[in-house]
């Protein structure tokens, strides 16, 4: 698939997924509704609390006034033990509809007069301090519950004022009120605020959805224009507005053009060098420079035997077609085993395993790739024989070791490759191999990642050009049955592709 087409497909998928998500209008509506609801709840709580405290303050003022008047009127009867006078005071006061109880106590909490609902006077052991909330000027407030049935209670509040003369406390006056009405008013107010909050939230949700749709309309237009541009690969659009969204669309167009250009460059580079190298270059363009670093890798040379005589029988276009066909086979085999084609040299391919992408099994992968190539060539020769074509044979040499990998050449023209003594030995072993053979050194044969996985025949020591010491070598026959699965799969897929 071309790079632009692949990019357009990913763009369609991206915008398709965006449309399946929650629309921005509903997100805005949800945010506004939640904000308004929270604000209303906070405001309602403040109003309800303030209203409750205001009513409580009014009741406290009224209760304090009444109980202080009772305490003042009861001074003389208490000091003179005039119980009849105290009863008259209590009866007159309890006749008021808002007053639920009246009582006068001694300073030891004994009841002198009682009328209606009252509670005991809480005093400490010295009988001089009330255990209740003090309001002002010695007046106290006491909240309590009156049991009206087995499981029901009525909230009550009593106001207590000392009956004293010249700082001598002779007793206490108590006036009781019911808090039912006050709590009902507070509850009714809270219910009203809750209802108003619900209605306002519903109305706000509707308004927010309408506003969200209007606000998101330019964004949807931006998405449509951007999606259309990405799908068609045409980033020129004359419908761009001059506002912030227009500026954003221009930026998206520039981004899309940059992505397309990078995809096209990566696709082109991938055809003239390994895709891993191309991606590394494009990702770090500023770091691409001449030089390299030491790596441990395996190099393989694949040479078409007798190519000179073969080329004499073919026209130049036929020679090019022939080489391209077999080089394509070499490329796909290398790619299947994590190798990269470093370069094509005449009728020879140089393939590297273990760099630029590290591979701990680069030795075995290289051997498996070589076996797959030889088996593929045998299968192709069977087909060529049926078609009356001449057979093609290849020879392969491998070597492992430390080598320099990186961009080499001139500043104006460089290429990614590997060089070193290990590379030269691989080339020499390829030259020593016969048609259909795979030649490896003892360093690969004896390695723990390879030795138990391959079937080899000892070839002996070879003298190679440029080396004073001989090299102990082996000829690879095949992979052991346990490790043939990957090679057979690659071979099957390639033959299947040729058949199609």
Protein backbone atom coordinates (compact mmCIF):
# COMPACT_ATOMS: atom_id res chain seq x y z
CA UNK A 1 0.00 0.00 0.00
CA UNK A 2 1.44 3.44 -0.86
CA UNK A 3 2.43 5.65 2.03
CA UNK A 4 -0.19 8.30 1.23
CA UNK A 5 -2.94 5.71 0.95
CA UNK A 6 -1.95 4.13 4.26
CA UNK A 7 -1.92 7.55 5.89
CA UNK A 8 -5.36 8.36 4.47
CA UNK A 9 -6.74 5.06 5.75
CA UNK A 10 -5.42 5.74 9.25
CA UNK A 11 -6.90 9.25 9.06
CA UNK A 12 -10.34 7.89 8.18
CA UNK A 13 -10.14 5.45 11.07
CA UNK A 14 -9.06 8.22 13.41
CA UNK A 15 -11.91 10.57 12.49
CA UNK A 16 -14.36 7.65 12.40
CA UNK A 17 -13.49 6.82 16.00
CA UNK A 18 -13.84 10.46 17.01
CA UNK A 19 -17.40 10.53 15.69
CA UNK A 20 -18.40 7.50 17.77
CA UNK A 21 -17.44 9.20 21.01
CA UNK A 22 -19.61 11.50 23.14
CA UNK A 23 -20.25 14.71 21.14
CA UNK A 24 -18.61 17.83 22.51
CA UNK A 25 -22.02 19.53 22.76
CA UNK A 26 -23.13 16.98 25.34
CA UNK A 27 -19.84 17.28 27.18
CA UNK A 28 -20.30 21.05 27.42
CA UNK A 29 -23.90 20.57 28.52
CA UNK A 30 -22.84 18.11 31.20
CA UNK A 31 -20.11 20.41 32.49
CA UNK A 32 -22.40 23.45 32.60
CA UNK A 33 -25.23 21.48 34.23
CA UNK A 34 -22.95 20.02 36.90
CA UNK A 35 -21.46 23.46 37.56
CA UNK A 36 -24.88 25.11 37.91
CA UNK A 37 -26.19 22.24 40.06
CA UNK A 38 -23.21 22.40 42.41
CA UNK A 39 -23.59 26.18 42.60
CA UNK A 40 -27.30 25.88 43.39
CA UNK A 41 -26.66 23.24 46.04
CA UNK A 42 -24.03 25.42 47.71
CA UNK A 43 -26.22 28.53 47.46
CA UNK A 44 -29.26 26.62 48.74
CA UNK A 45 -27.28 25.26 51.66
CA UNK A 46 -26.10 28.75 52.56
CA UNK A 47 -29.63 30.20 52.29
CA UNK A 48 -31.18 27.35 54.29
CA UNK A 49 -28.52 27.55 56.99
CA UNK A 50 -28.82 31.31 57.27
CA UNK A 51 -32.61 31.10 57.39
CA UNK A 52 -32.48 28.45 60.10
CA UNK A 53 -30.04 30.48 62.19
CA UNK A 54 -32.18 33.60 61.69
CA UNK A 55 -35.32 31.82 62.90
CA UNK A 56 -33.39 30.29 65.78
CA UNK A 57 -32.09 33.73 66.74
CA UNK A 58 -35.62 35.14 66.67
CA UNK A 59 -36.90 32.30 68.85
CA UNK A 60 -33.97 32.81 71.22
CA UNK A 61 -34.73 36.51 71.52
CA UNK A 62 -38.40 35.82 72.19
CA UNK A 63 -37.68 33.02 74.68
CA UNK A 64 -35.05 35.06 76.50
CA UNK A 65 -37.43 38.01 76.87
CA UNK A 66 -40.28 35.83 78.19
CA UNK A 67 -38.16 33.85 80.67
CA UNK A 68 -36.45 37.01 81.98
CA UNK A 69 -39.86 38.62 82.56
CA UNK A 70 -41.01 35.47 84.38
CA UNK A 71 -37.86 35.42 86.53
CA UNK A 72 -38.32 39.09 87.44
CA UNK A 73 -42.00 38.60 88.31
CA UNK A 74 -41.21 35.50 90.40
CA UNK A 75 -38.57 37.14 92.64
CA UNK A 76 -40.91 38.22 95.44
CA UNK A 77 -43.11 35.05 95.47
CA UNK A 78 -40.02 32.82 95.55
CA UNK A 79 -38.34 34.69 98.41
CA UNK A 80 -41.66 34.82 100.35
CA UNK A 81 -42.61 31.21 99.48
CA UNK A 82 -45.82 32.43 97.82
CA UNK A 83 -46.69 29.27 95.88
CA UNK A 84 -50.15 30.57 94.96
CA UNK A 85 -48.66 33.64 93.33
CA UNK A 86 -46.21 31.46 91.41
CA UNK A 87 -49.06 29.26 90.14
CA UNK A 88 -50.93 32.33 88.93
CA UNK A 89 -47.85 33.47 87.03
CA UNK A 90 -47.38 30.00 85.49
CA UNK A 91 -51.03 29.65 84.49
CA UNK A 92 -51.16 33.08 82.88
CA UNK A 93 -47.99 32.47 80.89
CA UNK A 94 -48.82 28.91 79.77
CA UNK A 95 -52.08 30.14 78.26
CA UNK A 96 -50.04 31.65 75.41
CA UNK A 97 -50.35 29.35 72.33
CA UNK A 98 -46.62 29.35 71.51
CA UNK A 99 -45.56 28.44 75.06
CA UNK A 100 -45.69 24.70 75.76
CA UNK A 101 -44.53 24.68 79.36
CA UNK A 102 -43.70 26.88 82.36
CA UNK A 103 -41.90 25.90 85.56
CA UNK A 104 -40.20 27.46 88.57
CA UNK A 105 -37.50 25.54 90.43
CA UNK A 106 -35.58 26.06 93.61
CA UNK A 107 -31.84 26.49 93.44
CA UNK A 108 -31.57 22.76 94.16
CA UNK A 109 -33.71 21.88 91.10
CA UNK A 110 -36.83 21.07 93.14
CA UNK A 111 -40.05 21.98 91.31
CA UNK A 112 -42.06 24.74 92.94
CA UNK A 113 -44.56 25.24 90.10
CA UNK A 114 -45.02 23.23 86.91
CA UNK A 115 -47.36 23.82 84.00
CA UNK A 116 -47.20 21.96 80.64
CA UNK A 117 -44.09 20.32 79.15
CA UNK A 118 -40.87 20.91 81.04
CA UNK A 119 -37.56 19.20 81.72
CA UNK A 120 -35.28 19.20 84.74
CA UNK A 121 -32.89 22.05 85.44
CA UNK A 122 -29.32 20.81 84.77
CA UNK A 123 -27.06 22.13 87.54
CA UNK A 124 -23.68 20.90 88.75
CA UNK A 125 -22.88 19.57 92.20
CA UNK A 126 -22.59 23.05 93.71
CA UNK A 127 -26.04 24.01 92.37
CA UNK A 128 -24.62 27.29 91.13
CA UNK A 129 -23.98 26.72 87.39
CA UNK A 130 -26.47 25.50 84.77
CA UNK A 131 -25.28 22.74 82.40
CA UNK A 132 -26.79 24.34 79.30
CA UNK A 133 -25.82 26.75 76.54
CA UNK A 134 -25.56 30.26 77.91
CA UNK A 135 -27.07 32.93 75.69
CA UNK A 136 -26.61 36.30 77.42
CA UNK A 137 -27.06 37.99 80.80
CA UNK A 138 -27.24 34.65 82.63
CA UNK A 139 -30.00 33.22 80.42
CA UNK A 140 -29.54 29.63 79.26
CA UNK A 141 -30.86 27.61 76.33
CA UNK A 142 -31.51 23.87 76.59
CA UNK A 143 -32.63 21.62 73.70
CA UNK A 144 -34.32 18.33 74.53
CA UNK A 145 -36.82 15.83 73.14
CA UNK A 146 -40.29 15.10 74.44
CA UNK A 147 -41.48 11.56 73.87
CA UNK A 148 -44.97 11.59 72.34
CA UNK A 149 -45.30 7.86 71.53
CA UNK A 150 -43.23 4.70 71.58
CA UNK A 151 -41.01 5.75 68.67
CA UNK A 152 -41.81 9.43 68.20
CA UNK A 153 -40.27 12.44 69.84
CA UNK A 154 -40.94 16.17 69.62
CA UNK A 155 -38.04 18.61 69.47
CA UNK A 156 -38.30 21.08 72.35
CA UNK A 157 -36.27 24.05 73.56
CA UNK A 158 -36.35 25.56 77.03
CA UNK A 159 -35.02 28.90 78.22
CA UNK A 160 -33.83 29.15 81.81
CA UNK A 161 -33.15 32.28 83.81
CA UNK A 162 -31.99 32.47 87.42
CA UNK A 163 -34.29 34.08 89.99
CA UNK A 164 -31.96 36.17 92.08
CA UNK A 165 -31.80 39.18 94.32
CA UNK A 166 -28.51 40.98 94.94
CA UNK A 167 -26.54 38.09 93.43
CA UNK A 168 -28.32 35.52 95.59
CA UNK A 169 -29.88 32.77 93.40
CA UNK A 170 -33.11 31.54 94.95
CA UNK A 171 -34.31 29.45 92.02
CA UNK A 172 -34.82 29.21 88.27
CA UNK A 173 -37.58 30.12 85.86
CA UNK A 174 -38.13 27.91 82.78
CA UNK A 175 -40.21 28.49 79.66
CA UNK A 176 -40.49 25.72 77.01
CA UNK A 177 -41.27 26.04 73.30
CA UNK A 178 -41.79 23.48 70.54
CA UNK A 179 -39.30 23.56 67.63
CA UNK A 180 -41.66 21.74 65.27
CA UNK A 181 -42.85 24.84 63.44
CA UNK A 182 -39.34 26.22 63.05
CA UNK A 183 -38.05 22.90 61.71
CA UNK A 184 -41.03 22.59 59.38
CA UNK A 185 -40.35 26.05 57.97
CA UNK A 186 -36.67 25.17 57.50
CA UNK A 187 -37.58 21.85 55.87
CA UNK A 188 -40.12 23.52 53.59
CA UNK A 189 -37.54 26.10 52.58
CA UNK A 190 -34.99 23.36 51.85
CA UNK A 191 -37.52 21.42 49.76
CA UNK A 192 -38.30 24.56 47.79
CA UNK A 193 -34.64 25.14 47.10
CA UNK A 194 -34.17 21.49 46.06
CA UNK A 195 -37.12 21.72 43.67
CA UNK A 196 -35.79 24.99 42.25
CA UNK A 197 -32.36 23.38 41.82
CA UNK A 198 -33.84 20.41 39.93
CA UNK A 199 -35.95 22.61 37.66
CA UNK A 200 -33.06 24.99 37.03
CA UNK A 201 -30.72 22.06 36.30
CA UNK A 202 -33.16 20.64 33.75
CA UNK A 203 -33.59 24.04 32.12
CA UNK A 204 -29.85 24.60 32.19
CA UNK A 205 -29.24 21.19 30.58
CA UNK A 206 -31.50 22.11 27.69
CA UNK A 207 -29.91 25.54 27.30
CA UNK A 208 -26.42 24.05 27.60
CA UNK A 209 -27.12 21.46 24.88
CA UNK A 210 -28.34 24.18 22.53
CA UNK A 211 -25.35 26.39 23.34
CA UNK A 212 -22.97 23.43 23.08
CA UNK A 213 -24.25 22.55 19.62
CA UNK A 214 -23.84 26.12 18.46
CA UNK A 215 -20.36 26.36 19.94
CA UNK A 216 -19.27 22.98 18.56
CA UNK A 217 -20.59 23.64 15.05
CA UNK A 218 -17.34 25.31 13.90
CA UNK A 219 -15.36 22.44 15.43
CA UNK A 220 -17.41 19.86 13.49
CA UNK A 221 -16.84 21.93 10.36
CA UNK A 222 -13.13 21.86 11.12
CA UNK A 223 -13.25 18.08 11.55
CA UNK A 224 -15.13 17.63 8.26
CA UNK A 225 -12.71 19.81 6.33
CA UNK A 226 -9.65 18.18 7.92
CA UNK A 227 -11.03 14.66 7.39
CA UNK A 228 -11.88 15.43 3.78
CA UNK A 229 -8.40 16.83 3.19
CA UNK A 230 -6.70 13.84 4.81
CA UNK A 231 -8.85 11.32 2.93
CA UNK A 232 -8.26 12.95 -0.45
CA UNK A 233 -4.67 13.92 0.22
CA UNK A 234 -5.56 17.46 -0.88
CA UNK A 235 -4.61 19.99 1.77
CA UNK A 236 -5.60 23.10 -0.19
CA UNK A 237 -8.90 24.48 1.04
CA UNK A 238 -10.32 27.88 0.22
CA UNK A 239 -13.02 27.73 2.91
CA UNK A 240 -10.64 28.52 5.75
CA UNK A 241 -11.87 31.31 8.00
CA UNK A 242 -9.61 33.99 9.41
CA UNK A 243 -10.34 33.23 13.06
CA UNK A 244 -8.67 30.89 15.58
CA UNK A 245 -10.29 27.81 14.04
CA UNK A 246 -9.00 28.82 10.63
CA UNK A 247 -5.51 29.11 12.06
CA UNK A 248 -5.92 25.65 13.63
CA UNK A 249 -7.07 24.19 10.30
CA UNK A 250 -4.04 25.66 8.53
CA UNK A 251 -1.81 24.07 11.17
CA UNK A 252 -3.54 20.72 10.65
CA UNK A 253 -3.04 21.01 6.91
CA UNK A 254 0.66 21.68 7.38
CA UNK A 255 0.88 18.75 9.80
CA UNK A 256 -0.87 16.46 7.31
CA UNK A 257 1.45 17.54 4.52
CA UNK A 258 4.45 16.89 6.75
CA UNK A 259 3.18 13.42 7.70
CA UNK A 260 2.53 12.56 4.05
CA UNK A 261 5.96 13.77 3.01
CA UNK A 262 7.62 11.76 5.78
CA UNK A 263 5.62 8.65 4.81
CA UNK A 264 6.60 9.08 1.17
CA UNK A 265 10.25 9.61 2.07
CA UNK A 266 10.23 6.58 4.35
CA UNK A 267 8.64 4.51 1.59
CA UNK A 268 11.22 5.67 -0.96
CA UNK A 269 14.15 5.24 1.45
CA UNK A 270 12.87 1.76 2.31
CA UNK A 271 13.35 0.79 -1.32
CA UNK A 272 16.99 1.88 -1.46
CA UNK A 273 18.02 0.87 2.06
CA UNK A 274 16.72 -1.20 4.97
CA UNK A 275 13.47 0.11 6.45
CA UNK A 276 14.96 0.13 9.96
CA UNK A 277 17.80 2.32 8.70
CA UNK A 278 15.39 4.59 6.82
CA UNK A 279 13.20 5.02 9.90
CA UNK A 280 16.25 5.71 12.05
CA UNK A 281 17.39 8.40 9.61
CA UNK A 282 14.00 10.13 9.42
CA UNK A 283 13.46 10.02 13.18
CA UNK A 284 16.87 11.55 13.90
CA UNK A 285 17.80 13.56 10.82
CA UNK A 286 19.95 15.96 12.81
CA UNK A 287 22.04 13.05 14.13
CA UNK A 288 22.82 11.49 10.74
CA UNK A 289 26.54 11.91 10.16
CA UNK A 290 29.54 10.00 8.87
CA UNK A 291 30.86 7.48 11.35
CA UNK A 292 29.94 4.24 13.00
CA UNK A 293 30.17 2.08 16.08
CA UNK A 294 31.34 -1.43 16.86
CA UNK A 295 28.63 -4.10 16.80
CA UNK A 296 28.56 -7.86 17.01
CA UNK A 297 26.68 -9.18 14.00
CA UNK A 298 26.59 -11.83 11.30
CA UNK A 299 27.19 -11.13 7.60
CA UNK A 300 26.04 -13.32 4.73
CA UNK A 301 27.06 -13.16 1.06
CA UNK A 302 24.81 -14.85 -1.50
CA UNK A 303 26.37 -15.23 -4.96
CA UNK A 304 24.69 -16.51 -8.13
CA UNK A 305 27.06 -19.14 -9.55
CA UNK A 306 28.04 -18.81 -13.21
CA UNK A 307 26.25 -15.53 -13.71
CA UNK A 308 28.76 -14.33 -16.31
CA UNK A 309 28.01 -17.24 -18.63
CA UNK A 310 24.29 -16.93 -17.92
CA UNK A 311 24.25 -13.24 -18.80
CA UNK A 312 25.84 -13.97 -22.17
CA UNK A 313 22.70 -15.93 -23.13
CA UNK A 314 20.30 -13.12 -22.18
CA UNK A 315 19.57 -9.64 -23.41
CA UNK A 316 20.33 -6.75 -21.01
CA UNK A 317 16.63 -6.28 -20.12
CA UNK A 318 16.33 -10.02 -19.47
CA UNK A 319 19.46 -9.93 -17.29
CA UNK A 320 17.98 -7.07 -15.25
CA UNK A 321 14.67 -8.93 -14.89
CA UNK A 322 16.49 -12.11 -13.85
CA UNK A 323 18.59 -10.34 -11.20
CA UNK A 324 15.62 -8.40 -9.86
CA UNK A 325 13.65 -11.62 -9.48
CA UNK A 326 16.32 -13.41 -7.45
CA UNK A 327 17.31 -10.34 -5.48
CA UNK A 328 13.65 -10.06 -4.48
CA UNK A 329 13.78 -13.65 -3.18
CA UNK A 330 16.92 -12.85 -1.17
CA UNK A 331 15.31 -9.71 0.25
CA UNK A 332 12.14 -11.45 1.44
CA UNK A 333 14.09 -14.32 3.00
CA UNK A 334 16.35 -11.87 4.83
CA UNK A 335 13.38 -9.84 6.02
CA UNK A 336 11.68 -12.99 7.37
CA UNK A 337 14.69 -13.72 9.60
CA UNK A 338 15.32 -10.16 10.89
CA UNK A 339 18.08 -9.48 8.40
CA UNK A 340 18.61 -6.46 6.15
CA UNK A 341 20.01 -6.35 2.64
CA UNK A 342 23.06 -4.14 2.97
CA UNK A 343 23.69 -3.90 -0.76
CA UNK A 344 23.56 -5.70 -4.08
CA UNK A 345 26.98 -6.07 -5.70
CA UNK A 346 26.69 -7.26 -9.29
CA UNK A 347 25.19 -10.74 -8.98
CA UNK A 348 25.83 -10.94 -5.22
CA UNK A 349 23.76 -9.84 -2.23
CA UNK A 350 25.26 -8.80 1.09
CA UNK A 351 22.89 -9.39 4.02
CA UNK A 352 23.47 -8.35 7.65
CA UNK A 353 21.90 -9.79 10.81
CA UNK A 354 22.01 -8.15 14.25
CA UNK A 355 22.25 -4.50 13.20
CA UNK A 356 20.94 -1.80 13.13
CA UNK A 357 18.31 -3.57 15.23
CA UNK A 358 19.90 -5.75 17.89
CA UNK A 359 19.15 -9.48 17.63
CA UNK A 360 20.64 -11.96 20.15
CA UNK A 361 19.91 -14.85 17.72
CA UNK A 362 21.55 -13.21 14.70
CA UNK A 363 23.84 -16.23 14.07
CA UNK A 364 21.03 -18.80 13.94
CA UNK A 365 18.74 -16.47 11.99
CA UNK A 366 21.48 -15.99 9.39
CA UNK A 367 22.00 -19.77 9.03
CA UNK A 368 18.21 -20.36 8.85
CA UNK A 369 17.94 -17.68 6.16
CA UNK A 370 20.76 -19.30 4.16
CA UNK A 371 19.09 -22.74 4.36
CA UNK A 372 15.76 -21.23 3.26
CA UNK A 373 17.40 -19.52 0.26
CA UNK A 374 19.05 -22.76 -0.90
CA UNK A 375 15.79 -24.71 -0.52
CA UNK A 376 13.90 -21.99 -2.39
CA UNK A 377 16.44 -22.09 -5.24
CA UNK A 378 15.99 -25.88 -5.49
CA UNK A 379 12.19 -25.48 -5.71
CA UNK A 380 12.55 -22.76 -8.32
CA UNK A 381 14.90 -24.94 -10.38
CA UNK A 382 12.23 -27.64 -10.49
CA UNK A 383 9.81 -25.14 -11.97
CA UNK A 384 12.45 -23.76 -14.34
CA UNK A 385 13.21 -27.28 -15.57
CA UNK A 386 9.51 -27.83 -16.35
CA UNK A 387 9.53 -24.60 -18.35
CA UNK A 388 12.71 -25.58 -20.22
CA UNK A 389 14.82 -22.89 -18.54
CA UNK A 390 18.40 -23.26 -17.33
CA UNK A 391 18.92 -24.01 -13.61
CA UNK A 392 20.21 -21.37 -11.22
CA UNK A 393 22.56 -22.14 -8.32
CA UNK A 394 23.82 -19.97 -5.50
CA UNK A 395 26.63 -20.26 -3.01
CA UNK A 396 26.56 -18.71 0.43
CA UNK A 397 29.23 -17.72 2.92
CA UNK A 398 28.65 -16.48 6.48
CA UNK A 399 30.78 -15.09 9.26
CA UNK A 400 30.18 -13.48 12.65
CA UNK A 401 32.17 -11.14 14.82
CA UNK A 402 32.80 -7.50 15.64
CA UNK A 403 32.42 -5.01 12.81
CA UNK A 404 31.94 -1.29 12.29
CA UNK A 405 28.33 -0.32 11.47
CA UNK A 406 27.21 3.16 10.46
CA UNK A 407 26.98 5.75 7.71
CA UNK A 408 30.12 5.70 5.59
CA UNK A 409 31.13 7.72 2.54
CA UNK A 410 31.31 11.45 1.89
CA UNK A 411 29.26 14.15 3.59
CA UNK A 412 27.45 14.71 0.32
CA UNK A 413 26.87 10.99 -0.35
CA UNK A 414 26.85 8.29 2.29
CA UNK A 415 25.31 4.88 2.90
CA UNK A 416 24.63 2.65 5.87
CA UNK A 417 26.85 -0.45 5.81
CA UNK A 418 29.13 -2.67 7.85
CA UNK A 419 32.86 -3.08 7.32
CA UNK A 420 35.66 -4.98 8.98
CA UNK A 421 37.69 -8.16 8.92
CA UNK A 422 34.61 -10.27 9.78
CA UNK A 423 32.86 -8.95 6.66
CA UNK A 424 35.85 -9.74 4.44
CA UNK A 425 36.03 -13.32 5.74
CA UNK A 426 32.32 -13.87 4.97
CA UNK A 427 32.99 -12.76 1.38
CA UNK A 428 36.02 -15.08 1.12
CA UNK A 429 34.01 -18.06 2.45
CA UNK A 430 31.35 -17.36 -0.17
CA UNK A 431 34.05 -17.49 -2.84
CA UNK A 432 35.27 -20.85 -1.46
CA UNK A 433 31.81 -22.41 -1.41
CA UNK A 434 30.56 -24.52 -4.30
CA UNK A 435 27.17 -24.26 -5.98
CA UNK A 436 24.41 -25.13 -3.51
CA UNK A 437 26.74 -24.95 -0.49
CA UNK A 438 26.53 -22.88 2.70
CA UNK A 439 29.93 -22.26 4.28
CA UNK A 440 30.27 -21.14 7.91
CA UNK A 441 33.28 -20.78 10.24
CA UNK A 442 33.75 -22.75 13.45
CA UNK A 443 32.83 -19.63 15.48
CA UNK A 444 29.24 -19.88 14.21
CA UNK A 445 29.11 -23.69 14.27
CA UNK A 446 30.33 -23.90 17.87
CA UNK A 447 28.13 -21.12 19.24
CA UNK A 448 25.53 -22.28 21.78
CA UNK A 449 22.68 -20.60 19.88
CA UNK A 450 23.50 -22.55 16.70
CA UNK A 451 25.35 -25.82 17.38
CA UNK A 452 22.40 -27.93 18.53
CA UNK A 453 20.03 -26.57 15.87
CA UNK A 454 21.82 -27.33 12.59
CA UNK A 455 23.10 -30.33 10.64
CA UNK A 456 26.65 -29.74 9.40
CA UNK A 457 29.60 -31.48 7.79
CA UNK A 458 33.13 -30.53 8.71
CA UNK A 459 34.84 -29.05 5.66
CA UNK A 460 38.29 -28.52 7.08
CA UNK A 461 40.67 -25.61 7.33
CA UNK A 462 40.77 -23.09 4.50
CA UNK A 463 43.29 -20.46 3.58
CA UNK A 464 41.67 -17.23 2.51
CA UNK A 465 43.10 -14.18 0.87
CA UNK A 466 44.38 -11.58 3.31
CA UNK A 467 44.60 -13.98 6.29
CA UNK A 468 47.80 -15.69 7.36
CA UNK A 469 46.00 -18.22 9.57
CA UNK A 470 43.64 -20.85 8.18
CA UNK A 471 39.93 -20.85 9.04
CA UNK A 472 38.19 -23.97 10.28
CA UNK A 473 34.95 -24.31 8.29
CA UNK A 474 31.73 -26.34 8.09
CA UNK A 475 29.14 -26.93 5.38
CA UNK A 476 25.54 -26.52 6.53
CA UNK A 477 23.27 -29.30 5.29
CA UNK A 478 20.00 -28.37 6.95
CA UNK A 479 18.32 -27.31 10.17
CA UNK A 480 17.44 -29.99 12.67
CA UNK A 481 13.76 -31.07 12.38
CA UNK A 482 12.80 -29.31 15.61
CA UNK A 483 13.89 -25.94 14.17
CA UNK A 484 12.64 -26.25 10.59
CA UNK A 485 9.18 -24.78 11.27
CA UNK A 486 10.00 -21.12 10.62
CA UNK A 487 12.03 -21.90 7.49
CA UNK A 488 9.27 -24.12 6.07
CA UNK A 489 6.68 -21.43 6.75
CA UNK A 490 8.73 -18.77 4.95
CA UNK A 491 9.35 -21.14 2.05
CA UNK A 492 5.66 -22.04 1.82
CA UNK A 493 4.54 -18.39 1.84
CA UNK A 494 7.03 -17.41 -0.84
CA UNK A 495 6.08 -20.31 -3.13
CA UNK A 496 2.41 -19.54 -2.54
CA UNK A 497 3.05 -15.92 -3.48
CA UNK A 498 4.81 -17.00 -6.68
CA UNK A 499 1.90 -19.28 -7.57
CA UNK A 500 -0.53 -16.39 -7.22
